[in-house]
Amino acid sequence: MLLRWFAAVILLGGLSSPLGSVKADEPKLQRGAIVSYRCSRGERLDATYYELRDRSLAFVRLRLPEGRELTLPQIASASGARFSADRDLTWWIKGNRGFLQQRDAQGEWRVTLKDCDSTT
């Protein structure tokens, strides 16, 4: 559905080409830290953190141990940072540590990668 929306906007001229000029007031994407984490059972998770220069949006690109890649927006968190599409997966970080939660078949959140320490 989202892909159709983007295609329609581009066809109608609503978005400028990435190769075209960028207006001064348009937010620009900044890549932040690229971090590898080693978790409690030896699993490796890679995270690349991004944000718009005006800080109106932040997100993380994760590469999970099995090779699956996901992009998750940052959402509100009382402490540390939380990234989630709130459907089936949430990545939490605080300092140099993190953990991954996933929903099980009953819809309950379960920690699937824990005690993930940054190695970079």
C-alpha atoms as a PDB file:
ATOM      1  CA  MET A   1       0.000   0.000   0.000  1.00  0.00           C
ATOM      2  CA  LEU A   2       2.754   2.440   0.958  1.00  0.00           C
ATOM      3  CA  LEU A   3       4.675   1.598  -2.215  1.00  0.00           C
ATOM      4  CA  ARG A   4       1.599   2.465  -4.317  1.00  0.00           C
ATOM      5  CA  TRP A   5       1.284   5.793  -2.500  1.00  0.00           C
ATOM      6  CA  PHE A   6       4.934   6.687  -3.202  1.00  0.00           C
ATOM      7  CA  ALA A   7       4.551   5.669  -6.849  1.00  0.00           C
ATOM      8  CA  ALA A   8       1.443   7.852  -7.210  1.00  0.00           C
ATOM      9  CA  VAL A   9       3.133  10.845  -5.582  1.00  0.00           C
ATOM     10  CA  ILE A  10       6.174  10.516  -7.838  1.00  0.00           C
ATOM     11  CA  LEU A  11       4.020  10.136 -10.965  1.00  0.00           C
ATOM     12  CA  LEU A  12       2.071  13.232  -9.996  1.00  0.00           C
ATOM     13  CA  GLY A  13       5.276  15.168  -9.401  1.00  0.00           C
ATOM     14  CA  GLY A  14       4.799  15.508  -5.659  1.00  0.00           C
ATOM     15  CA  LEU A  15       8.330  14.450  -4.738  1.00  0.00           C
ATOM     16  CA  SER A  16      11.528  15.742  -6.241  1.00  0.00           C
ATOM     17  CA  SER A  17      14.086  13.383  -7.638  1.00  0.00           C
ATOM     18  CA  PRO A  18      16.877  12.392  -5.240  1.00  0.00           C
ATOM     19  CA  LEU A  19      19.238  13.598  -7.953  1.00  0.00           C
ATOM     20  CA  GLY A  20      17.485  16.956  -8.197  1.00  0.00           C
ATOM     21  CA  SER A  21      18.227  19.986  -6.084  1.00  0.00           C
ATOM     22  CA  VAL A  22      17.327  19.971  -2.401  1.00  0.00           C
ATOM     23  CA  LYS A  23      15.678  23.053  -0.992  1.00  0.00           C
ATOM     24  CA  ALA A  24      17.464  24.708   1.904  1.00  0.00           C
ATOM     25  CA  ASP A  25      14.545  24.155   4.272  1.00  0.00           C
ATOM     26  CA  GLU A  26      14.173  20.414   3.502  1.00  0.00           C
ATOM     27  CA  PRO A  27      15.527  18.146   6.227  1.00  0.00           C
ATOM     28  CA  LYS A  28      18.537  16.072   5.241  1.00  0.00           C
ATOM     29  CA  LEU A  29      19.292  12.535   6.298  1.00  0.00           C
ATOM     30  CA  GLN A  30      22.344  11.989   8.482  1.00  0.00           C
ATOM     31  CA  ARG A  31      23.874   8.604   9.171  1.00  0.00           C
ATOM     32  CA  GLY A  32      24.989   8.244  12.752  1.00  0.00           C
ATOM     33  CA  ALA A  33      26.789   5.400  14.422  1.00  0.00           C
ATOM     34  CA  ILE A  34      27.256   1.970  12.883  1.00  0.00           C
ATOM     35  CA  VAL A  35      27.332  -0.454  15.808  1.00  0.00           C
ATOM     36  CA  SER A  36      27.828  -4.212  16.046  1.00  0.00           C
ATOM     37  CA  TYR A  37      26.442  -5.938  19.110  1.00  0.00           C
ATOM     38  CA  ARG A  38      27.313  -9.355  20.569  1.00  0.00           C
ATOM     39  CA  CYS A  39      24.447 -10.858  22.547  1.00  0.00           C
ATOM     40  CA  SER A  40      24.361 -13.341  25.443  1.00  0.00           C
ATOM     41  CA  ARG A  41      24.314 -16.512  23.339  1.00  0.00           C
ATOM     42  CA  GLY A  42      26.956 -15.229  20.910  1.00  0.00           C
ATOM     43  CA  GLU A  43      24.510 -13.841  18.339  1.00  0.00           C
ATOM     44  CA  ARG A  44      25.612 -10.784  16.360  1.00  0.00           C
ATOM     45  CA  LEU A  45      23.286  -7.897  15.566  1.00  0.00           C
ATOM     46  CA  ASP A  46      24.368  -4.900  13.464  1.00  0.00           C
ATOM     47  CA  ALA A  47      22.659  -1.523  13.781  1.00  0.00           C
ATOM     48  CA  THR A  48      23.051   1.642  11.738  1.00  0.00           C
ATOM     49  CA  TYR A  49      21.436   4.693  13.296  1.00  0.00           C
ATOM     50  CA  TYR A  50      20.021   7.570  11.216  1.00  0.00           C
ATOM     51  CA  GLU A  51      18.219  10.826  11.843  1.00  0.00           C
ATOM     52  CA  LEU A  52      17.048  13.847   9.929  1.00  0.00           C
ATOM     53  CA  ARG A  53      19.271  16.850  10.491  1.00  0.00           C
ATOM     54  CA  ASP A  54      16.371  18.739  12.081  1.00  0.00           C
ATOM     55  CA  ARG A  55      15.909  15.746  14.466  1.00  0.00           C
ATOM     56  CA  SER A  56      12.230  15.386  13.563  1.00  0.00           C
ATOM     57  CA  LEU A  57      12.721  11.698  12.754  1.00  0.00           C
ATOM     58  CA  ALA A  58      15.210   9.029  13.811  1.00  0.00           C
ATOM     59  CA  PHE A  59      15.391   5.368  12.871  1.00  0.00           C
ATOM     60  CA  VAL A  60      17.639   2.321  12.934  1.00  0.00           C
ATOM     61  CA  ARG A  61      18.493  -0.199  10.232  1.00  0.00           C
ATOM     62  CA  LEU A  62      19.052  -3.617  11.857  1.00  0.00           C
ATOM     63  CA  ARG A  63      20.703  -6.718  10.452  1.00  0.00           C
ATOM     64  CA  LEU A  64      19.519  -9.616  12.606  1.00  0.00           C
ATOM     65  CA  PRO A  65      21.629 -12.737  13.256  1.00  0.00           C
ATOM     66  CA  GLU A  66      19.753 -14.749  10.598  1.00  0.00           C
ATOM     67  CA  GLY A  67      20.481 -12.031   7.999  1.00  0.00           C
ATOM     68  CA  ARG A  68      17.060 -10.376   7.918  1.00  0.00           C
ATOM     69  CA  GLU A  69      17.219  -6.576   7.651  1.00  0.00           C
ATOM     70  CA  LEU A  70      14.646  -4.216   9.159  1.00  0.00           C
ATOM     71  CA  THR A  71      14.181  -0.479   9.429  1.00  0.00           C
ATOM     72  CA  LEU A  72      12.479   0.693  12.617  1.00  0.00           C
ATOM     73  CA  PRO A  73      11.514   4.252  13.605  1.00  0.00           C
ATOM     74  CA  GLN A  74      12.449   5.603  17.013  1.00  0.00           C
ATOM     75  CA  ILE A  75       9.460   5.908  19.326  1.00  0.00           C
ATOM     76  CA  ALA A  76       8.938   7.372  22.795  1.00  0.00           C
ATOM     77  CA  SER A  77      10.903   5.845  25.639  1.00  0.00           C
ATOM     78  CA  ALA A  78      11.234   6.875  29.272  1.00  0.00           C
ATOM     79  CA  SER A  79      14.896   5.861  29.360  1.00  0.00           C
ATOM     80  CA  GLY A  80      17.358   4.974  26.617  1.00  0.00           C
ATOM     81  CA  ALA A  81      16.035   4.635  23.063  1.00  0.00           C
ATOM     82  CA  ARG A  82      13.351   2.390  21.625  1.00  0.00           C
ATOM     83  CA  PHE A  83      12.888   1.564  17.954  1.00  0.00           C
ATOM     84  CA  SER A  84       9.745  -0.228  16.846  1.00  0.00           C
ATOM     85  CA  ALA A  85       7.056  -0.481  14.221  1.00  0.00           C
ATOM     86  CA  ASP A  86       5.104  -1.883  17.221  1.00  0.00           C
ATOM     87  CA  ARG A  87       3.919  -4.858  15.230  1.00  0.00           C
ATOM     88  CA  ASP A  88       6.288  -7.673  15.993  1.00  0.00           C
ATOM     89  CA  LEU A  89       9.737  -6.376  16.913  1.00  0.00           C
ATOM     90  CA  THR A  90      11.283  -3.747  19.220  1.00  0.00           C
ATOM     91  CA  TRP A  91      14.971  -2.869  19.639  1.00  0.00           C
ATOM     92  CA  TRP A  92      15.834  -1.168  22.952  1.00  0.00           C
ATOM     93  CA  ILE A  93      19.195   0.456  23.723  1.00  0.00           C
ATOM     94  CA  LYS A  94      20.651   2.253  26.707  1.00  0.00           C
ATOM     95  CA  GLY A  95      24.288   3.226  26.697  1.00  0.00           C
ATOM     96  CA  ASN A  96      26.299   0.458  25.019  1.00  0.00           C
ATOM     97  CA  ARG A  97      23.736  -2.300  25.646  1.00  0.00           C
ATOM     98  CA  GLY A  98      20.560  -3.410  23.977  1.00  0.00           C
ATOM     99  CA  PHE A  99      17.980  -6.147  23.699  1.00  0.00           C
ATOM    100  CA  LEU A 100      15.486  -7.300  21.093  1.00  0.00           C
ATOM    101  CA  GLN A 101      11.856  -8.166  21.797  1.00  0.00           C
ATOM    102  CA  GLN A 102       9.563 -10.048  19.436  1.00  0.00           C
ATOM    103  CA  ARG A 103       5.913 -10.986  19.660  1.00  0.00           C
ATOM    104  CA  ASP A 104       5.199 -14.691  20.049  1.00  0.00           C
ATOM    105  CA  ALA A 105       2.313 -16.589  18.430  1.00  0.00           C
ATOM    106  CA  GLN A 106      -0.046 -15.366  21.188  1.00  0.00           C
ATOM    107  CA  GLY A 107       0.945 -11.725  20.653  1.00  0.00           C
ATOM    108  CA  GLU A 108       2.980 -11.451  23.878  1.00  0.00           C
ATOM    109  CA  TRP A 109       6.342  -9.670  23.865  1.00  0.00           C
ATOM    110  CA  ARG A 110       9.343 -11.960  24.510  1.00  0.00           C
ATOM    111  CA  VAL A 111      13.026 -11.021  24.727  1.00  0.00           C
ATOM    112  CA  THR A 112      14.743 -12.970  21.941  1.00  0.00           C
ATOM    113  CA  LEU A 113      18.204 -11.362  22.042  1.00  0.00           C
ATOM    114  CA  LYS A 114      19.415 -10.172  25.431  1.00  0.00           C
ATOM    115  CA  ASP A 115      22.472  -8.592  26.975  1.00  0.00           C
ATOM    116  CA  CYS A 116      23.679  -7.286  23.624  1.00  0.00           C
ATOM    117  CA  ASP A 117      26.910  -5.333  24.149  1.00  0.00           C
ATOM    118  CA  SER A 118      28.386  -3.066  21.503  1.00  0.00           C
ATOM    119  CA  THR A 119      31.668  -4.309  20.064  1.00  0.00           C
ATOM    120  CA  THR A 120      32.460  -1.204  17.999  1.00  0.00           C
END
